[in-house]
N, C-alpha and C. Protein backbone atom coordinates (compact mmCIF):
# COMPACT_ATOMS: atom_id res chain seq x y z
N MET A 1 10.89 8.52 6.36
CA MET A 1 10.68 7.67 5.17
C MET A 1 9.79 8.40 4.16
N ILE A 2 10.20 8.44 2.91
CA ILE A 2 9.43 9.11 1.86
C ILE A 2 8.47 8.10 1.22
N VAL A 3 7.19 8.48 1.14
CA VAL A 3 6.16 7.60 0.57
C VAL A 3 5.79 8.02 -0.84
N LYS A 4 5.65 9.34 -1.05
CA LYS A 4 5.34 9.88 -2.37
C LYS A 4 6.18 11.12 -2.64
N ILE A 5 6.50 11.33 -3.90
CA ILE A 5 7.20 12.55 -4.30
C ILE A 5 6.48 13.13 -5.52
N LYS A 6 6.17 14.42 -5.44
CA LYS A 6 5.56 15.11 -6.56
C LYS A 6 6.39 16.34 -6.90
N GLY A 7 6.77 16.45 -8.16
CA GLY A 7 7.59 17.59 -8.55
C GLY A 7 7.70 17.70 -10.06
N LYS A 8 8.62 18.55 -10.50
CA LYS A 8 8.80 18.78 -11.93
C LYS A 8 9.74 17.73 -12.52
N LEU A 9 9.29 17.12 -13.59
CA LEU A 9 10.09 16.11 -14.28
C LEU A 9 11.17 16.82 -15.10
N LEU A 10 12.41 16.76 -14.62
CA LEU A 10 13.50 17.50 -15.25
C LEU A 10 14.23 16.67 -16.30
N ARG A 11 14.27 15.37 -16.09
CA ARG A 11 14.98 14.48 -17.02
C ARG A 11 14.42 13.08 -16.88
N LYS A 12 14.35 12.35 -17.97
CA LYS A 12 13.90 10.95 -17.91
C LYS A 12 14.78 10.08 -18.80
N ASP A 13 15.23 8.97 -18.26
CA ASP A 13 15.98 7.96 -18.98
C ASP A 13 15.27 6.63 -18.79
N LYS A 14 15.73 5.60 -19.48
CA LYS A 14 15.04 4.31 -19.41
C LYS A 14 15.03 3.71 -18.01
N ASP A 15 16.01 4.07 -17.19
CA ASP A 15 16.09 3.45 -15.87
C ASP A 15 15.97 4.42 -14.71
N ARG A 16 15.82 5.74 -15.01
CA ARG A 16 15.73 6.71 -13.91
C ARG A 16 15.19 8.04 -14.39
N VAL A 17 14.70 8.82 -13.43
CA VAL A 17 14.25 10.18 -13.73
C VAL A 17 14.86 11.13 -12.69
N HIS A 18 14.90 12.41 -13.04
CA HIS A 18 15.27 13.46 -12.09
C HIS A 18 14.03 14.31 -11.85
N LEU A 19 13.67 14.46 -10.59
CA LEU A 19 12.46 15.18 -10.21
C LEU A 19 12.83 16.37 -9.33
N GLY A 20 12.43 17.57 -9.75
CA GLY A 20 12.72 18.77 -8.99
C GLY A 20 11.62 19.10 -8.00
N VAL A 21 11.99 19.20 -6.71
CA VAL A 21 11.02 19.48 -5.65
C VAL A 21 11.59 20.54 -4.72
N GLY A 22 11.01 21.73 -4.75
CA GLY A 22 11.41 22.79 -3.82
C GLY A 22 12.90 23.08 -3.77
N GLY A 23 13.53 23.15 -4.92
CA GLY A 23 14.95 23.47 -4.95
C GLY A 23 15.87 22.26 -4.88
N LEU A 24 15.32 21.09 -4.58
CA LEU A 24 16.09 19.84 -4.55
C LEU A 24 15.79 19.03 -5.80
N VAL A 25 16.75 18.22 -6.22
CA VAL A 25 16.54 17.33 -7.36
C VAL A 25 16.75 15.90 -6.89
N TYR A 26 15.72 15.07 -7.01
CA TYR A 26 15.78 13.68 -6.59
C TYR A 26 16.02 12.78 -7.80
N GLU A 27 16.91 11.82 -7.63
CA GLU A 27 17.08 10.78 -8.65
C GLU A 27 16.24 9.58 -8.24
N ILE A 28 15.34 9.18 -9.12
CA ILE A 28 14.41 8.09 -8.82
C ILE A 28 14.56 7.00 -9.88
N LEU A 29 14.84 5.79 -9.44
CA LEU A 29 14.96 4.67 -10.37
C LEU A 29 13.57 4.23 -10.81
N ILE A 30 13.43 3.86 -12.07
CA ILE A 30 12.13 3.41 -12.59
C ILE A 30 12.33 2.17 -13.46
N SER A 31 11.26 1.45 -13.69
CA SER A 31 11.31 0.28 -14.58
C SER A 31 11.14 0.74 -16.03
N GLU A 32 11.48 -0.15 -16.95
CA GLU A 32 11.30 0.16 -18.36
C GLU A 32 9.82 0.35 -18.70
N TYR A 33 8.97 -0.40 -18.00
CA TYR A 33 7.53 -0.27 -18.22
C TYR A 33 7.05 1.13 -17.82
N THR A 34 7.54 1.63 -16.68
CA THR A 34 7.19 2.98 -16.24
C THR A 34 7.70 4.01 -17.23
N TYR A 35 8.93 3.81 -17.71
CA TYR A 35 9.50 4.74 -18.68
C TYR A 35 8.63 4.86 -19.92
N GLU A 36 8.08 3.74 -20.39
CA GLU A 36 7.23 3.76 -21.59
C GLU A 36 6.04 4.68 -21.40
N HIS A 37 5.54 4.78 -20.17
CA HIS A 37 4.38 5.63 -19.88
C HIS A 37 4.77 7.08 -19.62
N LEU A 38 6.07 7.33 -19.57
CA LEU A 38 6.53 8.71 -19.36
C LEU A 38 7.11 9.32 -20.63
N LYS A 39 7.12 8.55 -21.71
CA LYS A 39 7.76 9.00 -22.95
C LYS A 39 7.24 10.34 -23.44
N LEU A 40 5.95 10.55 -23.32
CA LEU A 40 5.34 11.77 -23.85
C LEU A 40 5.38 12.93 -22.84
N SER A 41 5.85 12.66 -21.65
CA SER A 41 5.94 13.73 -20.65
C SER A 41 7.02 14.72 -21.07
N VAL A 42 6.76 15.98 -20.81
CA VAL A 42 7.70 17.02 -21.21
C VAL A 42 8.43 17.59 -19.99
N ASN A 43 9.57 18.23 -20.23
CA ASN A 43 10.34 18.83 -19.14
C ASN A 43 9.52 19.85 -18.36
N ASN A 44 9.71 19.84 -17.05
CA ASN A 44 9.04 20.74 -16.10
C ASN A 44 7.56 20.40 -15.89
N GLU A 45 7.11 19.29 -16.43
CA GLU A 45 5.73 18.85 -16.20
C GLU A 45 5.66 18.20 -14.82
N LEU A 46 4.57 18.45 -14.09
CA LEU A 46 4.41 17.85 -12.76
C LEU A 46 4.18 16.35 -12.88
N GLN A 47 4.86 15.59 -12.03
CA GLN A 47 4.72 14.14 -12.03
C GLN A 47 4.81 13.65 -10.59
N GLU A 48 3.98 12.68 -10.25
CA GLU A 48 4.00 12.11 -8.90
C GLU A 48 4.41 10.64 -8.96
N PHE A 49 5.27 10.25 -8.04
CA PHE A 49 5.68 8.85 -7.94
C PHE A 49 5.40 8.32 -6.54
N VAL A 50 4.92 7.09 -6.49
CA VAL A 50 4.83 6.36 -5.23
C VAL A 50 6.21 5.75 -5.01
N ILE A 51 6.78 5.93 -3.84
CA ILE A 51 8.18 5.60 -3.61
C ILE A 51 8.40 4.36 -2.75
N TYR A 52 9.31 3.50 -3.23
CA TYR A 52 9.87 2.43 -2.40
C TYR A 52 11.30 2.85 -2.10
N GLU A 53 11.67 2.91 -0.83
CA GLU A 53 12.99 3.40 -0.43
C GLU A 53 13.76 2.29 0.29
N TYR A 54 15.04 2.15 -0.06
CA TYR A 54 15.89 1.22 0.67
C TYR A 54 17.30 1.80 0.77
N MET A 55 18.10 1.24 1.66
CA MET A 55 19.46 1.73 1.87
C MET A 55 20.44 0.86 1.10
N GLN A 56 21.31 1.50 0.34
CA GLN A 56 22.31 0.80 -0.47
C GLN A 56 23.68 0.96 0.19
N ALA A 57 24.39 -0.15 0.40
CA ALA A 57 25.75 -0.11 0.95
C ALA A 57 26.73 -0.24 -0.20
N ASP A 58 27.64 0.73 -0.30
CA ASP A 58 28.60 0.74 -1.40
C ASP A 58 29.95 1.21 -0.87
N SER A 59 30.94 0.33 -0.87
CA SER A 59 32.27 0.64 -0.33
C SER A 59 32.14 1.12 1.11
N ASN A 60 32.51 2.38 1.37
CA ASN A 60 32.48 2.89 2.74
C ASN A 60 31.30 3.80 3.03
N ARG A 61 30.28 3.74 2.18
CA ARG A 61 29.15 4.63 2.41
C ARG A 61 27.82 3.89 2.28
N ILE A 62 26.83 4.42 2.96
CA ILE A 62 25.46 3.90 2.88
C ILE A 62 24.56 5.06 2.49
N TYR A 63 23.72 4.87 1.49
CA TYR A 63 22.88 5.96 1.00
C TYR A 63 21.50 5.44 0.59
N PRO A 64 20.50 6.31 0.64
CA PRO A 64 19.14 5.89 0.28
C PRO A 64 18.96 5.80 -1.24
N VAL A 65 18.19 4.83 -1.67
CA VAL A 65 17.84 4.67 -3.09
C VAL A 65 16.32 4.74 -3.20
N PHE A 66 15.82 5.55 -4.14
CA PHE A 66 14.39 5.69 -4.34
C PHE A 66 13.99 4.99 -5.64
N ILE A 67 12.96 4.17 -5.55
CA ILE A 67 12.38 3.53 -6.73
C ILE A 67 10.96 4.05 -6.88
N GLY A 68 10.62 4.53 -8.07
CA GLY A 68 9.33 5.17 -8.29
C GLY A 68 8.34 4.33 -9.07
N PHE A 69 7.08 4.39 -8.64
CA PHE A 69 5.98 3.70 -9.32
C PHE A 69 4.86 4.69 -9.58
N LEU A 70 4.04 4.39 -10.57
CA LEU A 70 2.96 5.31 -10.94
C LEU A 70 1.72 5.15 -10.08
N ASN A 71 1.61 4.03 -9.36
CA ASN A 71 0.47 3.85 -8.45
C ASN A 71 0.83 2.86 -7.35
N GLU A 72 -0.03 2.79 -6.34
CA GLU A 72 0.22 1.95 -5.16
C GLU A 72 0.26 0.46 -5.51
N LEU A 73 -0.58 0.03 -6.46
CA LEU A 73 -0.64 -1.38 -6.81
C LEU A 73 0.69 -1.88 -7.38
N GLU A 74 1.31 -1.05 -8.22
CA GLU A 74 2.60 -1.44 -8.78
C GLU A 74 3.64 -1.60 -7.67
N LYS A 75 3.61 -0.69 -6.71
CA LYS A 75 4.55 -0.79 -5.59
C LYS A 75 4.29 -2.04 -4.75
N GLU A 76 3.02 -2.34 -4.47
CA GLU A 76 2.67 -3.51 -3.68
C GLU A 76 3.13 -4.80 -4.36
N PHE A 77 2.95 -4.87 -5.68
CA PHE A 77 3.38 -6.05 -6.42
C PHE A 77 4.90 -6.17 -6.36
N PHE A 78 5.59 -5.05 -6.49
CA PHE A 78 7.05 -5.02 -6.41
C PHE A 78 7.52 -5.54 -5.05
N GLU A 79 6.86 -5.09 -3.98
CA GLU A 79 7.26 -5.50 -2.63
C GLU A 79 7.06 -7.00 -2.41
N MET A 80 6.05 -7.57 -3.05
CA MET A 80 5.87 -9.02 -2.97
C MET A 80 6.95 -9.73 -3.80
N PHE A 81 7.27 -9.17 -4.94
CA PHE A 81 8.23 -9.76 -5.87
C PHE A 81 9.62 -9.88 -5.23
N ILE A 82 10.04 -8.86 -4.48
CA ILE A 82 11.39 -8.88 -3.92
C ILE A 82 11.50 -9.76 -2.67
N LYS A 83 10.39 -10.32 -2.23
CA LYS A 83 10.44 -11.29 -1.13
C LYS A 83 10.87 -12.67 -1.61
N VAL A 84 10.87 -12.86 -2.92
CA VAL A 84 11.29 -14.13 -3.51
C VAL A 84 12.80 -14.29 -3.31
N SER A 85 13.22 -15.47 -2.92
CA SER A 85 14.63 -15.74 -2.68
C SER A 85 15.47 -15.44 -3.91
N GLY A 86 16.54 -14.67 -3.71
CA GLY A 86 17.47 -14.39 -4.79
C GLY A 86 17.15 -13.17 -5.63
N ILE A 87 16.05 -12.46 -5.30
CA ILE A 87 15.67 -11.29 -6.09
C ILE A 87 15.71 -10.03 -5.21
N GLY A 88 16.60 -9.13 -5.56
CA GLY A 88 16.70 -7.86 -4.85
C GLY A 88 15.96 -6.77 -5.59
N PRO A 89 15.92 -5.57 -5.03
CA PRO A 89 15.18 -4.46 -5.65
C PRO A 89 15.61 -4.12 -7.07
N LYS A 90 16.92 -4.08 -7.34
CA LYS A 90 17.37 -3.71 -8.67
C LYS A 90 17.09 -4.80 -9.70
N ALA A 91 17.21 -6.06 -9.29
CA ALA A 91 16.89 -7.16 -10.20
C ALA A 91 15.40 -7.15 -10.54
N ALA A 92 14.57 -6.90 -9.53
CA ALA A 92 13.12 -6.84 -9.75
C ALA A 92 12.77 -5.69 -10.68
N LEU A 93 13.43 -4.57 -10.48
CA LEU A 93 13.16 -3.39 -11.30
C LEU A 93 13.49 -3.67 -12.77
N ARG A 94 14.60 -4.33 -13.02
CA ARG A 94 14.97 -4.69 -14.40
C ARG A 94 13.96 -5.64 -15.01
N ALA A 95 13.39 -6.51 -14.19
CA ALA A 95 12.42 -7.49 -14.69
C ALA A 95 11.09 -6.86 -15.08
N PHE A 96 10.77 -5.72 -14.47
CA PHE A 96 9.48 -5.08 -14.71
C PHE A 96 9.48 -4.28 -16.02
N ARG A 97 9.63 -4.99 -17.12
CA ARG A 97 9.57 -4.32 -18.42
C ARG A 97 8.24 -4.58 -19.12
N ARG A 98 7.40 -5.41 -18.50
CA ARG A 98 6.10 -5.75 -19.06
C ARG A 98 5.01 -5.33 -18.08
N PRO A 99 3.74 -5.23 -18.54
CA PRO A 99 2.63 -4.83 -17.64
C PRO A 99 2.50 -5.75 -16.44
N LEU A 100 2.13 -5.17 -15.31
CA LEU A 100 1.97 -5.91 -14.07
C LEU A 100 1.04 -7.11 -14.24
N THR A 101 -0.09 -6.91 -14.89
CA THR A 101 -1.06 -8.00 -15.04
C THR A 101 -0.50 -9.16 -15.86
N GLU A 102 0.35 -8.85 -16.82
CA GLU A 102 0.95 -9.87 -17.68
C GLU A 102 1.91 -10.74 -16.87
N ILE A 103 2.73 -10.10 -16.04
CA ILE A 103 3.67 -10.84 -15.20
C ILE A 103 2.92 -11.66 -14.16
N ALA A 104 1.89 -11.06 -13.57
CA ALA A 104 1.08 -11.78 -12.57
C ALA A 104 0.42 -13.01 -13.17
N ARG A 105 -0.08 -12.88 -14.39
CA ARG A 105 -0.73 -14.01 -15.06
C ARG A 105 0.26 -15.14 -15.31
N ALA A 106 1.48 -14.78 -15.71
CA ALA A 106 2.50 -15.78 -15.96
C ALA A 106 2.84 -16.54 -14.67
N ILE A 107 2.89 -15.81 -13.56
CA ILE A 107 3.17 -16.44 -12.26
C ILE A 107 2.05 -17.42 -11.90
N GLU A 108 0.82 -16.96 -12.02
CA GLU A 108 -0.31 -17.80 -11.63
C GLU A 108 -0.43 -19.04 -12.51
N GLU A 109 -0.08 -18.92 -13.78
CA GLU A 109 -0.16 -20.05 -14.71
C GLU A 109 1.10 -20.89 -14.72
N GLY A 110 2.10 -20.48 -13.93
CA GLY A 110 3.34 -21.24 -13.86
C GLY A 110 4.12 -21.21 -15.16
N ASP A 111 4.04 -20.09 -15.87
CA ASP A 111 4.70 -19.97 -17.16
C ASP A 111 6.18 -19.62 -16.96
N ILE A 112 6.98 -20.65 -16.74
CA ILE A 112 8.40 -20.48 -16.47
C ILE A 112 9.12 -19.84 -17.65
N ASN A 113 8.77 -20.24 -18.87
CA ASN A 113 9.44 -19.71 -20.07
C ASN A 113 9.25 -18.20 -20.19
N TYR A 114 8.04 -17.72 -19.90
CA TYR A 114 7.79 -16.28 -19.94
C TYR A 114 8.63 -15.57 -18.88
N LEU A 115 8.59 -16.08 -17.67
CA LEU A 115 9.28 -15.41 -16.56
C LEU A 115 10.79 -15.37 -16.78
N LYS A 116 11.37 -16.46 -17.27
CA LYS A 116 12.82 -16.46 -17.44
C LYS A 116 13.26 -15.61 -18.63
N SER A 117 12.29 -15.17 -19.45
CA SER A 117 12.61 -14.28 -20.57
C SER A 117 12.75 -12.82 -20.10
N LEU A 118 12.31 -12.54 -18.87
CA LEU A 118 12.42 -11.19 -18.33
C LEU A 118 13.87 -10.91 -17.93
N PRO A 119 14.34 -9.68 -18.12
CA PRO A 119 15.72 -9.34 -17.75
C PRO A 119 16.01 -9.66 -16.29
N SER A 120 17.15 -10.26 -16.03
CA SER A 120 17.66 -10.61 -14.70
C SER A 120 16.94 -11.80 -14.06
N ILE A 121 16.01 -12.42 -14.78
CA ILE A 121 15.29 -13.59 -14.24
C ILE A 121 15.66 -14.83 -15.06
N GLY A 122 16.51 -15.66 -14.48
CA GLY A 122 16.88 -16.91 -15.15
C GLY A 122 15.94 -18.04 -14.76
N LEU A 123 16.33 -19.25 -15.11
CA LEU A 123 15.48 -20.41 -14.86
C LEU A 123 15.20 -20.62 -13.37
N GLN A 124 16.24 -20.60 -12.54
CA GLN A 124 16.04 -20.85 -11.12
C GLN A 124 15.21 -19.78 -10.45
N ARG A 125 15.46 -18.52 -10.81
CA ARG A 125 14.67 -17.43 -10.23
C ARG A 125 13.21 -17.55 -10.67
N ALA A 126 12.98 -17.93 -11.91
CA ALA A 126 11.61 -18.09 -12.41
C ALA A 126 10.88 -19.16 -11.60
N LYS A 127 11.57 -20.25 -11.31
CA LYS A 127 10.97 -21.32 -10.51
C LYS A 127 10.69 -20.84 -9.09
N ASN A 128 11.61 -20.06 -8.54
CA ASN A 128 11.41 -19.53 -7.18
C ASN A 128 10.20 -18.59 -7.12
N ILE A 129 10.04 -17.77 -8.17
CA ILE A 129 8.92 -16.83 -8.23
C ILE A 129 7.59 -17.57 -8.20
N VAL A 130 7.49 -18.59 -9.04
CA VAL A 130 6.25 -19.37 -9.10
C VAL A 130 6.00 -20.07 -7.77
N ALA A 131 7.03 -20.68 -7.21
CA ALA A 131 6.87 -21.42 -5.96
C ALA A 131 6.43 -20.52 -4.82
N PHE A 132 6.93 -19.28 -4.79
CA PHE A 132 6.64 -18.37 -3.67
C PHE A 132 5.35 -17.59 -3.85
N LEU A 133 5.04 -17.17 -5.10
CA LEU A 133 3.92 -16.25 -5.31
C LEU A 133 2.66 -16.88 -5.91
N GLN A 134 2.76 -18.02 -6.50
CA GLN A 134 1.58 -18.64 -7.12
C GLN A 134 0.48 -18.85 -6.07
N GLY A 135 -0.73 -18.39 -6.40
CA GLY A 135 -1.85 -18.51 -5.47
C GLY A 135 -1.97 -17.37 -4.48
N LYS A 136 -1.05 -16.38 -4.55
CA LYS A 136 -1.07 -15.27 -3.60
C LYS A 136 -1.32 -13.92 -4.27
N ILE A 137 -1.54 -13.90 -5.58
CA ILE A 137 -1.58 -12.62 -6.31
C ILE A 137 -2.90 -12.43 -7.06
N GLY A 138 -3.96 -13.04 -6.55
CA GLY A 138 -5.26 -12.97 -7.24
C GLY A 138 -5.74 -11.57 -7.54
N ARG A 139 -5.54 -10.64 -6.61
CA ARG A 139 -6.06 -9.28 -6.83
C ARG A 139 -5.37 -8.58 -7.98
N PHE A 140 -4.11 -8.92 -8.23
CA PHE A 140 -3.39 -8.29 -9.33
C PHE A 140 -3.86 -8.83 -10.69
N LEU A 141 -4.41 -10.03 -10.67
CA LEU A 141 -4.94 -10.61 -11.91
C LEU A 141 -6.25 -9.97 -12.33
N LEU A 142 -6.92 -9.31 -11.38
CA LEU A 142 -8.23 -8.71 -11.65
C LEU A 142 -8.15 -7.27 -12.11
N ILE A 143 -6.93 -6.72 -12.15
CA ILE A 143 -6.77 -5.32 -12.53
C ILE A 143 -7.11 -5.13 -14.00
N LYS A 144 -7.92 -4.15 -14.29
CA LYS A 144 -8.18 -3.77 -15.68
C LYS A 144 -7.11 -2.80 -16.11
N GLU A 145 -6.82 -2.76 -17.39
CA GLU A 145 -5.78 -1.86 -17.89
C GLU A 145 -6.05 -0.41 -17.51
N SER A 146 -7.34 -0.02 -17.51
CA SER A 146 -7.68 1.37 -17.22
C SER A 146 -7.37 1.74 -15.78
N THR A 147 -7.21 0.72 -14.90
CA THR A 147 -6.91 0.99 -13.50
C THR A 147 -5.55 1.66 -13.35
N ALA A 148 -4.69 1.47 -14.33
CA ALA A 148 -3.34 2.01 -14.24
C ALA A 148 -3.32 3.53 -14.20
N THR A 149 -4.30 4.15 -14.81
CA THR A 149 -4.31 5.61 -14.81
C THR A 149 -4.77 6.15 -13.47
N THR A 150 -4.18 7.25 -13.05
CA THR A 150 -4.53 7.83 -11.75
C THR A 150 -5.46 9.03 -11.91
N MET A 151 -5.87 9.31 -13.12
CA MET A 151 -6.68 10.50 -13.36
C MET A 151 -8.17 10.21 -13.12
N PRO A 152 -8.83 10.93 -12.23
CA PRO A 152 -10.26 10.75 -12.02
C PRO A 152 -11.03 11.03 -13.31
N LYS A 153 -12.21 10.41 -13.40
CA LYS A 153 -13.01 10.57 -14.60
C LYS A 153 -13.35 12.04 -14.86
N THR A 154 -13.67 12.78 -13.81
CA THR A 154 -14.03 14.19 -14.01
C THR A 154 -12.87 14.98 -14.60
N ASP A 155 -11.66 14.69 -14.14
CA ASP A 155 -10.48 15.37 -14.68
C ASP A 155 -10.27 15.00 -16.14
N LYS A 156 -10.51 13.73 -16.46
CA LYS A 156 -10.31 13.30 -17.84
C LYS A 156 -11.33 13.96 -18.76
N GLU A 157 -12.56 14.10 -18.31
CA GLU A 157 -13.58 14.76 -19.13
C GLU A 157 -13.20 16.23 -19.37
N GLU A 158 -12.67 16.86 -18.34
CA GLU A 158 -12.24 18.25 -18.48
C GLU A 158 -11.08 18.36 -19.47
N LEU A 159 -10.17 17.39 -19.38
CA LEU A 159 -9.03 17.37 -20.28
C LEU A 159 -9.48 17.18 -21.73
N LYS A 160 -10.44 16.31 -21.93
CA LYS A 160 -10.98 16.08 -23.29
C LYS A 160 -11.59 17.36 -23.85
N SER A 161 -12.33 18.06 -22.99
CA SER A 161 -12.97 19.31 -23.43
C SER A 161 -11.94 20.36 -23.83
N GLU A 162 -10.88 20.46 -23.03
CA GLU A 162 -9.82 21.42 -23.33
C GLU A 162 -9.15 21.10 -24.66
N ALA A 163 -8.89 19.81 -24.89
CA ALA A 163 -8.24 19.41 -26.13
C ALA A 163 -9.12 19.68 -27.34
N VAL A 164 -10.42 19.41 -27.21
CA VAL A 164 -11.35 19.67 -28.30
C VAL A 164 -11.37 21.16 -28.63
N GLU A 165 -11.38 21.99 -27.60
CA GLU A 165 -11.38 23.44 -27.82
C GLU A 165 -10.14 23.90 -28.58
N VAL A 166 -9.00 23.33 -28.24
CA VAL A 166 -7.76 23.67 -28.96
C VAL A 166 -7.86 23.27 -30.42
N LEU A 167 -8.38 22.08 -30.67
CA LEU A 167 -8.49 21.59 -32.05
C LEU A 167 -9.50 22.41 -32.86
N LEU A 168 -10.55 22.88 -32.19
CA LEU A 168 -11.52 23.74 -32.88
C LEU A 168 -10.86 25.05 -33.31
N GLN A 169 -9.98 25.57 -32.46
CA GLN A 169 -9.26 26.79 -32.80
C GLN A 169 -8.30 26.56 -33.96
N LEU A 170 -7.89 25.31 -34.14
CA LEU A 170 -6.99 24.98 -35.25
C LEU A 170 -7.75 24.56 -36.51
N GLN A 171 -9.05 24.88 -36.52
CA GLN A 171 -9.91 24.70 -37.70
C GLN A 171 -10.37 23.26 -37.95
N TYR A 172 -10.23 22.38 -36.93
CA TYR A 172 -10.81 21.04 -37.08
C TYR A 172 -12.30 21.10 -36.75
N LYS A 173 -13.08 20.24 -37.38
CA LYS A 173 -14.50 20.17 -37.07
C LYS A 173 -14.69 19.46 -35.73
N LYS A 174 -15.81 19.79 -35.05
CA LYS A 174 -16.01 19.29 -33.70
C LYS A 174 -16.04 17.77 -33.64
N ARG A 175 -16.74 17.15 -34.58
CA ARG A 175 -16.82 15.69 -34.59
C ARG A 175 -15.45 15.07 -34.81
N GLU A 176 -14.69 15.65 -35.73
CA GLU A 176 -13.35 15.16 -36.02
C GLU A 176 -12.44 15.32 -34.80
N ALA A 177 -12.58 16.46 -34.13
CA ALA A 177 -11.77 16.74 -32.95
C ALA A 177 -12.05 15.72 -31.83
N LYS A 178 -13.32 15.43 -31.60
CA LYS A 178 -13.69 14.46 -30.56
C LYS A 178 -13.15 13.07 -30.87
N GLU A 179 -13.22 12.70 -32.13
CA GLU A 179 -12.72 11.38 -32.54
C GLU A 179 -11.21 11.29 -32.32
N MET A 180 -10.50 12.36 -32.65
CA MET A 180 -9.05 12.39 -32.47
C MET A 180 -8.67 12.29 -31.00
N VAL A 181 -9.41 13.02 -30.15
CA VAL A 181 -9.14 13.00 -28.72
C VAL A 181 -9.42 11.62 -28.13
N ASP A 182 -10.55 11.02 -28.47
CA ASP A 182 -10.91 9.70 -27.95
C ASP A 182 -9.89 8.64 -28.36
N LYS A 183 -9.45 8.72 -29.60
CA LYS A 183 -8.47 7.75 -30.09
C LYS A 183 -7.14 7.88 -29.36
N ALA A 184 -6.73 9.12 -29.11
CA ALA A 184 -5.46 9.36 -28.41
C ALA A 184 -5.52 8.83 -26.97
N LEU A 185 -6.64 9.07 -26.28
CA LEU A 185 -6.78 8.61 -24.90
C LEU A 185 -6.87 7.09 -24.82
N LYS A 186 -7.46 6.49 -25.83
CA LYS A 186 -7.55 5.02 -25.86
C LYS A 186 -6.17 4.42 -26.12
N SER A 187 -5.38 5.10 -26.94
CA SER A 187 -4.06 4.61 -27.29
C SER A 187 -3.08 4.72 -26.13
N ASN A 188 -3.24 5.76 -25.31
CA ASN A 188 -2.32 5.98 -24.18
C ASN A 188 -3.12 6.37 -22.94
N ILE A 189 -3.42 5.39 -22.10
CA ILE A 189 -4.27 5.63 -20.93
C ILE A 189 -3.56 6.39 -19.82
N ARG A 190 -2.25 6.60 -19.95
CA ARG A 190 -1.48 7.31 -18.92
C ARG A 190 -1.50 8.82 -19.10
N ILE A 191 -2.11 9.30 -20.16
CA ILE A 191 -2.12 10.74 -20.42
C ILE A 191 -2.76 11.50 -19.26
N GLU A 192 -2.06 12.52 -18.75
CA GLU A 192 -2.57 13.27 -17.61
C GLU A 192 -2.52 14.78 -17.81
N SER A 193 -2.07 15.23 -18.96
CA SER A 193 -2.00 16.67 -19.20
C SER A 193 -2.42 16.99 -20.62
N LEU A 194 -2.77 18.24 -20.84
CA LEU A 194 -3.18 18.68 -22.18
C LEU A 194 -2.03 18.53 -23.17
N GLU A 195 -0.83 18.84 -22.73
CA GLU A 195 0.34 18.73 -23.61
C GLU A 195 0.56 17.28 -24.05
N GLU A 196 0.44 16.35 -23.11
CA GLU A 196 0.58 14.93 -23.44
C GLU A 196 -0.47 14.51 -24.46
N LEU A 197 -1.70 14.96 -24.23
CA LEU A 197 -2.80 14.58 -25.10
C LEU A 197 -2.60 15.11 -26.52
N LEU A 198 -2.20 16.36 -26.64
CA LEU A 198 -1.98 16.95 -27.96
C LEU A 198 -0.80 16.28 -28.67
N ASN A 199 0.23 15.92 -27.91
CA ASN A 199 1.36 15.22 -28.50
C ASN A 199 0.94 13.86 -29.05
N GLU A 200 0.07 13.16 -28.29
CA GLU A 200 -0.40 11.85 -28.74
C GLU A 200 -1.29 12.00 -29.98
N ILE A 201 -2.13 13.04 -30.03
CA ILE A 201 -2.96 13.29 -31.20
C ILE A 201 -2.08 13.54 -32.43
N TYR A 202 -1.02 14.31 -32.23
CA TYR A 202 -0.08 14.59 -33.32
C TYR A 202 0.59 13.30 -33.80
N ARG A 203 0.98 12.46 -32.84
CA ARG A 203 1.63 11.19 -33.19
C ARG A 203 0.69 10.29 -33.98
N GLN A 204 -0.57 10.22 -33.54
CA GLN A 204 -1.56 9.40 -34.24
C GLN A 204 -1.80 9.92 -35.65
N LYS A 205 -1.82 11.24 -35.78
CA LYS A 205 -2.04 11.87 -37.08
C LYS A 205 -0.91 11.51 -38.04
N ASN A 206 0.32 11.51 -37.54
CA ASN A 206 1.47 11.15 -38.37
C ASN A 206 1.45 9.69 -38.78
N ILE A 207 0.98 8.83 -37.87
CA ILE A 207 0.88 7.40 -38.19
C ILE A 207 -0.07 7.20 -39.35
N ARG A 208 -1.20 7.92 -39.33
CA ARG A 208 -2.19 7.78 -40.42
C ARG A 208 -1.63 8.34 -41.72
N ALA A 209 -0.84 9.40 -41.60
CA ALA A 209 -0.33 10.05 -42.81
C ALA A 209 0.78 9.26 -43.48
N TYR A 210 1.65 8.62 -42.66
CA TYR A 210 2.82 7.96 -43.22
C TYR A 210 2.81 6.44 -43.04
N GLY A 211 1.78 5.95 -42.33
CA GLY A 211 1.76 4.52 -42.07
C GLY A 211 1.38 3.71 -43.30
């Protein structure tokens, strides 16, 4: 059983990625929410996924399906979600287009209208979700947004320093460079590489110029 996969991100689509590992290429299904956090990732960049694996029966064959998450908490929430009557792995994956904490809050508050607005979740499924999970997901309600990132603080500080150095070489002033870096990291907490960070800084710069 595969628990985690780390490799080169070769391709990313809204519902799946291709990850190259030691000469093999794995197809990993992802949620739309996960895809949003991978938008700035570039080809051949290292990426790690926490894996949920299940066997799919199709016609005369049975084959493994991998679903990827960016951290253990997302996977744990997914595993609780698919225990609800009438919700399978693919339906749950389609529903995960919003942040985990937002969905958890809707469940705890019994917000049927919010839940049934999620893809593949109709009225009856929304009621089943609340009936089964309400009162059982307290820890997911306590997650801070910054918890989603897997980068240790020391690594992030090093990344900030590297980005500032690059901007100084490009003739930006040190104070201006630090402000640009801080704003980019605040805007996208999933940034894990220098390339991602510089891309986000460029995007923010364009927003200010043309917004």
